Amino acid sequence: MNKTMERVLKKPVTATFVSIIFGFIVAALILAAAGYNPFEAFGALLRGTMGRPKYVANTLIKGTPIIITGLSIAFAYKMGLFNIGAEGQYIVGSIAATMTGILLDLPMLFEVPLILIAGMAAGALYGGLAGYLKARFGINEVITTIMLNWIALYLCNFISQLAPFYKSGTTGTYAVNESGYTVLFSKWKTSEAAAAFIEKHPMIGDMMRTDFNIGIFAAILLALGISFFLYRTAKGYELRAVGCNKDAAEFAGISVKKNIVHTMLIAGALSGLAAALNITGINPHNISHLAMFEQNGMNGIAVAFIAGGSPIGCIFSGLLFGGLLYGGQSIQYEIGAPSEIINIMIGTIVFFVALTKILPSLADYLAKRGERK
């Protein structure tokens, strides 16, 4: 085996692409075994994701919170922490953002930042609590964050039924005040000028019929910012040093306990911000009674690991998930195949990502075999 092939096999991105390919292969085999044409199914998936500007916009909307919760988990993972509590941090961020948006009715210039800050602060405190328990008492963050997830779910159900938030006749709260919306051109879209513009530019008009908002731009900026912070700042170096070797970092004078708390505060703030952006950007702009987790934080785990812990990679893996989750509905609508096939595909991709060490080992084996020959 030549050196170029060896280097390609050892790159993390190669393992990711191989995992995605195997995910589609497994899904194709299951579809074929169930009597469905895999090519028709994947064609429906592609059309449901990119067939119209409206579908592209909805894919971006669906992928935005998953990108940001993926960033939350990837950030903590660089420190050697498994932030499985992104779901709970997302929920408390939703609660705080909604309460703030209902209670305050300020001009947009103040309303939107306050809602976003409230979501970030709630998520940061929730994540920081798990970090403190880890640093102070050595309690594993996986255990505490799982428990905190359930507490957040039931807290959401409690808050959503309280006055002055509960909207009579529904299962949720009032929407946040309109000055807190971050939907692009939300007021202009209902004007006569917008109708004339849409008639002349049908492709842009199709996208404008969705809740397309500032979230995707925020997600991209956050990914770039987190990447810069981790690899271009002294604090980021400290966090990565602790993640690589806690004992060596401690010996070098880096406070491990302090950095554990700081990491979980930042990770929680990211998940809370993802929630606040969803509340301000997507109808119905409120929280409601939850029968189960919405999976934004849970899907973020898969996004982070498919991205290999790379903040920039989270953008692409998050958009992949957004496309699968939104476009996957078309498989059921168009050919009648169960939409659960998408969950099987996602699970298979994550499964093969967990086996990424196989490719570098295979490269080493082939290289040694070539040398022996």
Protein backbone atom coordinates (compact mmCIF):
# COMPACT_ATOMS: atom_id res chain seq x y z
CA MET A 1 0.00 0.00 0.00
CA ASN A 2 1.41 3.42 -0.95
CA LYS A 3 1.93 6.24 1.53
CA THR A 4 -0.88 8.37 0.11
CA MET A 5 -3.48 5.64 0.69
CA GLU A 6 -2.12 5.09 4.20
CA ARG A 7 -2.48 8.79 5.04
CA VAL A 8 -6.02 8.89 3.62
CA LEU A 9 -7.12 5.89 5.69
CA LYS A 10 -5.72 7.45 8.86
CA LYS A 11 -7.58 10.74 8.45
CA PRO A 12 -10.64 11.08 10.77
CA VAL A 13 -12.73 12.49 7.90
CA THR A 14 -12.22 9.24 5.97
CA ALA A 15 -13.73 7.22 8.81
CA THR A 16 -16.68 9.63 8.93
CA PHE A 17 -17.40 9.26 5.21
CA VAL A 18 -17.09 5.48 5.44
CA SER A 19 -19.55 5.49 8.36
CA ILE A 20 -22.07 7.55 6.40
CA ILE A 21 -21.75 5.26 3.37
CA PHE A 22 -22.30 2.18 5.53
CA GLY A 23 -25.34 3.88 7.08
CA PHE A 24 -26.89 4.27 3.64
CA ILE A 25 -25.93 0.72 2.66
CA VAL A 26 -27.60 -0.78 5.74
CA ALA A 27 -30.70 1.37 5.18
CA ALA A 28 -30.80 0.22 1.53
CA LEU A 29 -30.60 -3.44 2.55
CA ILE A 30 -33.43 -3.03 5.08
CA LEU A 31 -35.60 -1.19 2.55
CA ALA A 32 -34.97 -3.88 -0.06
CA ALA A 33 -35.77 -6.64 2.45
CA ALA A 34 -39.05 -4.88 3.28
CA GLY A 35 -39.99 -4.72 -0.40
CA TYR A 36 -39.16 -1.08 -1.14
CA ASN A 37 -36.86 0.24 -3.85
CA PRO A 38 -33.85 1.82 -2.07
CA PHE A 39 -33.10 4.12 -5.02
CA GLU A 40 -36.64 5.47 -5.00
CA ALA A 41 -36.41 5.96 -1.23
CA PHE A 42 -33.12 7.85 -1.41
CA GLY A 43 -34.44 9.88 -4.34
CA ALA A 44 -37.42 10.88 -2.22
CA LEU A 45 -35.03 11.77 0.61
CA LEU A 46 -32.96 13.98 -1.69
CA ARG A 47 -36.03 15.68 -3.15
CA GLY A 48 -37.45 16.21 0.35
CA THR A 49 -34.23 17.92 1.37
CA MET A 50 -33.24 19.91 -1.72
CA GLY A 51 -36.19 19.70 -4.11
CA ARG A 52 -37.44 23.22 -3.38
CA PRO A 53 -35.99 26.34 -1.72
CA LYS A 54 -38.60 25.82 1.00
CA TYR A 55 -37.17 22.37 1.74
CA VAL A 56 -33.62 23.72 1.87
CA ALA A 57 -34.72 26.41 4.32
CA ASN A 58 -36.50 23.88 6.54
CA THR A 59 -33.42 21.63 6.48
CA LEU A 60 -31.32 24.55 7.72
CA ILE A 61 -33.94 25.34 10.38
CA LYS A 62 -34.03 21.70 11.52
CA GLY A 63 -30.25 21.44 11.61
CA THR A 64 -29.55 24.68 13.50
CA PRO A 65 -30.26 23.59 17.11
CA ILE A 66 -28.54 20.25 16.47
CA ILE A 67 -25.41 22.02 15.23
CA ILE A 68 -25.26 24.18 18.37
CA THR A 69 -25.96 21.35 20.83
CA GLY A 70 -23.35 19.36 18.90
CA LEU A 71 -20.92 22.21 19.55
CA SER A 72 -21.83 22.02 23.24
CA ILE A 73 -20.98 18.33 23.42
CA ALA A 74 -17.87 18.62 21.23
CA PHE A 75 -16.57 21.46 23.41
CA ALA A 76 -16.99 19.45 26.61
CA TYR A 77 -15.45 16.40 24.94
CA LYS A 78 -12.24 18.35 24.24
CA MET A 79 -11.96 18.66 28.02
CA GLY A 80 -12.57 14.92 28.45
CA LEU A 81 -16.15 15.43 29.65
CA PHE A 82 -19.23 13.71 28.22
CA ASN A 83 -21.98 16.32 28.30
CA ILE A 84 -24.94 14.01 27.85
CA GLY A 85 -27.02 16.72 29.57
CA ALA A 86 -27.30 18.98 26.52
CA GLU A 87 -30.97 17.97 26.31
CA GLY A 88 -31.70 19.22 29.83
CA GLN A 89 -29.66 22.39 29.29
CA TYR A 90 -31.63 22.98 26.09
CA ILE A 91 -34.94 22.58 27.94
CA VAL A 92 -34.07 24.98 30.78
CA GLY A 93 -32.81 27.43 28.15
CA SER A 94 -36.21 27.18 26.45
CA ILE A 95 -37.97 27.80 29.76
CA ALA A 96 -35.89 30.88 30.64
CA ALA A 97 -36.14 32.32 27.13
CA THR A 98 -39.91 31.89 27.00
CA MET A 99 -40.49 33.35 30.46
CA THR A 100 -38.32 36.36 29.60
CA GLY A 101 -40.03 36.87 26.25
CA ILE A 102 -43.49 36.79 27.84
CA LEU A 103 -42.76 38.97 30.85
CA LEU A 104 -40.80 41.62 28.95
CA ASP A 105 -42.14 43.58 25.99
CA LEU A 106 -39.31 45.86 24.95
CA PRO A 107 -38.13 47.13 21.56
CA MET A 108 -36.50 44.39 19.47
CA LEU A 109 -33.05 45.89 20.03
CA PHE A 110 -33.36 44.99 23.73
CA GLU A 111 -35.92 42.17 23.70
CA VAL A 112 -34.00 39.73 21.50
CA PRO A 113 -30.63 40.03 23.32
CA LEU A 114 -32.32 39.67 26.72
CA ILE A 115 -34.16 36.51 25.61
CA LEU A 116 -30.94 35.01 24.22
CA ILE A 117 -28.98 35.95 27.34
CA ALA A 118 -31.68 34.41 29.56
CA GLY A 119 -31.49 31.13 27.63
CA MET A 120 -27.69 31.10 27.76
CA ALA A 121 -27.61 31.91 31.47
CA ALA A 122 -30.09 29.15 32.36
CA GLY A 123 -28.22 26.58 30.27
CA ALA A 124 -24.87 27.71 31.73
CA LEU A 125 -26.09 27.37 35.31
CA TYR A 126 -27.55 23.94 34.59
CA GLY A 127 -24.37 22.73 32.93
CA GLY A 128 -22.24 24.42 35.58
CA LEU A 129 -24.09 22.52 38.30
CA ALA A 130 -22.99 19.21 36.77
CA GLY A 131 -19.47 20.60 36.41
CA TYR A 132 -19.37 21.68 40.06
CA LEU A 133 -20.56 18.27 41.27
CA LYS A 134 -17.82 16.67 39.17
CA ALA A 135 -15.09 19.04 40.36
CA ARG A 136 -16.11 19.23 44.03
CA PHE A 137 -17.29 15.69 44.75
CA GLY A 138 -15.99 13.66 41.81
CA ILE A 139 -19.51 12.64 40.72
CA ASN A 140 -19.48 11.36 37.14
CA GLU A 141 -21.02 13.94 34.82
CA VAL A 142 -22.86 11.26 32.84
CA ILE A 143 -24.90 10.29 35.91
CA THR A 144 -25.67 13.84 37.00
CA THR A 145 -26.57 15.10 33.54
CA ILE A 146 -28.93 12.19 32.87
CA MET A 147 -30.74 12.95 36.12
CA LEU A 148 -30.78 16.67 35.37
CA ASN A 149 -32.32 15.98 31.95
CA TRP A 150 -35.39 14.46 33.57
CA ILE A 151 -35.61 17.23 36.14
CA ALA A 152 -35.60 19.76 33.28
CA LEU A 153 -38.38 17.92 31.46
CA TYR A 154 -40.70 17.91 34.47
CA LEU A 155 -39.74 21.50 35.31
CA CYS A 156 -40.85 22.49 31.79
CA ASN A 157 -44.19 20.73 32.31
CA PHE A 158 -44.64 22.54 35.63
CA ILE A 159 -43.72 26.01 34.36
CA SER A 160 -45.82 25.68 31.20
CA GLN A 161 -48.98 25.29 33.35
CA LEU A 162 -48.34 28.27 35.61
CA ALA A 163 -49.92 31.71 35.42
CA PRO A 164 -49.05 34.11 33.84
CA PHE A 165 -47.48 31.82 31.24
CA TYR A 166 -50.14 29.18 30.60
CA LYS A 167 -52.42 29.82 27.63
CA SER A 168 -55.91 28.53 28.40
CA GLY A 169 -57.19 25.79 26.12
CA THR A 170 -53.72 24.67 25.03
CA THR A 171 -50.96 22.47 26.42
CA GLY A 172 -48.41 25.27 26.46
CA THR A 173 -47.61 28.87 27.23
CA TYR A 174 -48.28 32.09 25.41
CA ALA A 175 -45.84 32.96 22.64
CA VAL A 176 -43.05 35.39 23.45
CA ASN A 177 -43.81 38.99 22.50
CA GLU A 178 -43.43 39.71 18.79
CA SER A 179 -40.54 42.08 19.42
CA GLY A 180 -38.56 38.99 20.44
CA TYR A 181 -38.93 37.21 17.08
CA THR A 182 -35.79 36.56 15.02
CA VAL A 183 -37.58 35.31 11.90
CA LEU A 184 -36.09 37.13 8.92
CA PHE A 185 -38.43 39.74 7.40
CA SER A 186 -41.30 38.53 9.61
CA LYS A 187 -43.35 41.75 9.33
CA TRP A 188 -42.33 42.63 5.78
CA LYS A 189 -43.49 39.23 4.47
CA THR A 190 -47.14 40.17 5.08
CA SER A 191 -46.93 43.50 3.18
CA GLU A 192 -48.04 44.27 -0.38
CA ALA A 193 -44.44 45.01 -1.35
CA ALA A 194 -43.45 41.50 -0.25
CA ALA A 195 -46.27 39.96 -2.30
CA ALA A 196 -45.04 41.79 -5.40
CA PHE A 197 -41.44 40.77 -4.71
CA ILE A 198 -42.39 37.12 -4.21
CA GLU A 199 -44.33 37.12 -7.47
CA LYS A 200 -41.23 38.31 -9.35
CA HIS A 201 -38.81 36.07 -7.42
CA PRO A 202 -40.66 32.79 -6.77
CA MET A 203 -37.58 30.86 -5.56
CA ILE A 204 -36.75 33.39 -2.85
CA GLY A 205 -40.46 33.70 -2.06
CA ASP A 206 -40.70 29.94 -1.53
CA MET A 207 -37.93 30.15 1.06
CA MET A 208 -39.54 33.16 2.72
CA ARG A 209 -42.71 31.18 3.40
CA THR A 210 -40.83 29.30 6.11
CA ASP A 211 -39.62 30.38 9.55
CA PHE A 212 -36.13 31.01 8.16
CA ASN A 213 -34.31 32.96 10.87
CA ILE A 214 -30.91 34.11 12.08
CA GLY A 215 -30.21 30.77 13.80
CA ILE A 216 -28.11 29.15 11.06
CA PHE A 217 -25.87 32.22 10.81
CA ALA A 218 -25.43 32.21 14.58
CA ALA A 219 -24.57 28.49 14.48
CA ILE A 220 -21.85 29.03 11.87
CA LEU A 221 -20.37 31.97 13.78
CA LEU A 222 -20.42 29.95 17.00
CA ALA A 223 -18.60 27.04 15.33
CA LEU A 224 -15.92 29.40 14.03
CA GLY A 225 -15.68 31.13 17.41
CA ILE A 226 -15.41 27.91 19.40
CA SER A 227 -12.74 26.62 16.99
CA PHE A 228 -10.74 29.83 17.40
CA PHE A 229 -11.15 29.73 21.18
CA LEU A 230 -9.97 26.12 21.47
CA TYR A 231 -6.99 26.35 19.12
CA ARG A 232 -5.91 29.98 19.23
CA THR A 233 -6.25 31.08 22.87
CA ALA A 234 -4.40 30.27 26.09
CA LYS A 235 -7.63 29.26 27.83
CA GLY A 236 -8.49 26.90 25.00
CA TYR A 237 -5.04 25.34 25.29
CA GLU A 238 -5.62 24.82 29.02
CA LEU A 239 -8.90 23.03 28.39
CA ARG A 240 -7.43 20.76 25.73
CA ALA A 241 -4.42 20.04 27.93
CA VAL A 242 -6.70 18.90 30.75
CA GLY A 243 -8.66 16.76 28.29
CA CYS A 244 -5.47 15.09 27.03
CA ASN A 245 -3.90 14.37 30.42
CA LYS A 246 -5.31 15.68 33.69
CA ASP A 247 -2.27 14.69 35.74
CA ALA A 248 0.20 16.36 33.40
CA ALA A 249 -1.96 19.50 33.26
CA GLU A 250 -2.13 19.61 37.07
CA PHE A 251 1.63 19.19 37.27
CA ALA A 252 2.03 22.12 34.85
CA GLY A 253 0.00 24.34 37.19
CA ILE A 254 -3.36 24.20 35.39
CA SER A 255 -6.35 23.99 37.74
CA VAL A 256 -8.27 20.92 36.61
CA LYS A 257 -11.29 21.51 38.87
CA LYS A 258 -11.71 25.12 37.82
CA ASN A 259 -11.53 24.19 34.14
CA ILE A 260 -14.10 21.42 34.59
CA VAL A 261 -16.60 23.97 35.92
CA HIS A 262 -15.71 26.51 33.21
CA THR A 263 -16.12 23.89 30.48
CA MET A 264 -19.56 22.82 31.65
CA LEU A 265 -20.65 26.45 32.05
CA ILE A 266 -19.74 27.18 28.43
CA ALA A 267 -21.20 23.90 27.15
CA GLY A 268 -24.46 24.58 28.99
CA ALA A 269 -24.57 28.16 27.67
CA LEU A 270 -24.30 26.84 24.09
CA SER A 271 -27.22 24.44 24.58
CA GLY A 272 -29.28 27.19 26.23
CA LEU A 273 -28.53 29.53 23.34
CA ALA A 274 -29.67 26.86 20.85
CA ALA A 275 -33.00 26.74 22.70
CA ALA A 276 -33.39 30.52 22.87
CA LEU A 277 -32.74 30.84 19.12
CA ASN A 278 -35.42 28.22 18.47
CA ILE A 279 -37.93 30.00 20.71
CA THR A 280 -37.36 33.36 19.00
CA GLY A 281 -37.03 31.95 15.49
CA ILE A 282 -39.65 29.22 15.04
CA ASN A 283 -43.40 29.08 15.52
CA PRO A 284 -45.12 28.73 17.95
CA HIS A 285 -42.43 30.68 19.90
CA ASN A 286 -43.29 29.02 23.22
CA ILE A 287 -42.83 25.96 25.40
CA SER A 288 -45.44 23.27 25.91
CA HIS A 289 -46.06 20.13 27.93
CA LEU A 290 -43.46 17.49 27.06
CA ALA A 291 -44.37 13.81 26.91
CA MET A 292 -40.79 12.95 25.92
CA PHE A 293 -37.52 14.62 25.04
CA GLU A 294 -37.44 16.62 21.80
CA GLN A 295 -34.06 15.02 21.01
CA ASN A 296 -32.24 18.24 20.09
CA GLY A 297 -29.61 17.58 22.74
CA MET A 298 -29.53 13.82 22.16
CA ASN A 299 -29.03 14.26 18.42
CA GLY A 300 -26.28 16.73 19.26
CA ILE A 301 -24.32 13.84 20.78
CA ALA A 302 -24.33 11.99 17.46
CA VAL A 303 -23.50 15.19 15.56
CA ALA A 304 -20.47 15.85 17.77
CA PHE A 305 -19.08 12.34 17.40
CA ILE A 306 -19.70 12.15 13.65
CA ALA A 307 -17.79 15.44 13.44
CA GLY A 308 -14.95 13.85 15.42
CA GLY A 309 -15.26 16.56 18.06
CA SER A 310 -14.44 19.25 15.49
CA PRO A 311 -16.45 22.49 15.91
CA ILE A 312 -16.33 23.15 12.16
CA GLY A 313 -17.27 19.54 11.47
CA CYS A 314 -20.41 20.02 13.59
CA ILE A 315 -21.78 22.37 10.92
CA PHE A 316 -21.68 19.66 8.26
CA SER A 317 -22.78 16.76 10.44
CA GLY A 318 -25.60 18.91 11.87
CA LEU A 319 -26.81 19.76 8.37
CA LEU A 320 -26.64 16.06 7.46
CA PHE A 321 -28.87 15.30 10.45
CA GLY A 322 -31.18 18.17 9.56
CA GLY A 323 -31.54 16.80 6.05
CA LEU A 324 -32.17 13.25 7.25
CA LEU A 325 -34.73 14.30 9.85
CA TYR A 326 -36.64 16.72 7.63
CA GLY A 327 -36.22 15.06 4.25
CA GLY A 328 -36.79 11.61 5.73
CA GLN A 329 -40.49 12.38 5.98
CA SER A 330 -40.66 12.27 2.19
CA ILE A 331 -39.75 8.57 2.19
CA GLN A 332 -43.02 7.83 3.95
CA TYR A 333 -45.09 10.31 1.92
CA GLU A 334 -43.82 9.28 -1.51
CA ILE A 335 -43.22 5.52 -1.36
CA GLY A 336 -44.94 4.50 1.87
CA ALA A 337 -41.80 3.24 3.61
CA PRO A 338 -41.72 3.80 7.39
CA SER A 339 -39.95 6.99 8.42
CA GLU A 340 -38.19 4.97 11.15
CA ILE A 341 -35.74 3.93 8.44
CA ILE A 342 -34.08 7.32 9.01
CA ASN A 343 -33.51 6.50 12.67
CA ILE A 344 -32.00 3.17 11.62
CA MET A 345 -29.70 5.01 9.23
CA ILE A 346 -28.64 7.51 11.89
CA GLY A 347 -28.03 4.73 14.41
CA THR A 348 -25.94 2.80 11.88
CA ILE A 349 -23.84 5.87 11.06
CA VAL A 350 -23.17 6.48 14.76
CA PHE A 351 -22.37 2.78 15.26
CA PHE A 352 -19.73 2.82 12.54
CA VAL A 353 -18.33 6.13 13.80
CA ALA A 354 -17.69 4.31 17.08
CA LEU A 355 -15.50 1.91 15.08
CA THR A 356 -13.32 4.64 13.56
CA LYS A 357 -10.15 3.17 15.08
CA ILE A 358 -10.47 0.24 12.68
CA LEU A 359 -9.34 2.22 9.61
CA PRO A 360 -6.01 3.46 11.07
CA SER A 361 -5.36 -0.07 12.34
CA LEU A 362 -6.18 -1.42 8.88
CA ALA A 363 -3.78 1.10 7.33
CA ASP A 364 -0.99 -0.02 9.69
CA TYR A 365 -1.71 -3.68 8.94
CA LEU A 366 -1.64 -3.14 5.18
CA ALA A 367 1.55 -1.07 5.44
CA LYS A 368 3.34 -3.79 7.44
CA ARG A 369 2.07 -6.45 5.09
CA GLY A 370 3.44 -4.49 2.14
CA GLU A 371 6.82 -4.14 3.83
CA ARG A 372 7.01 -7.90 4.47
CA LYS A 373 6.30 -8.59 0.81
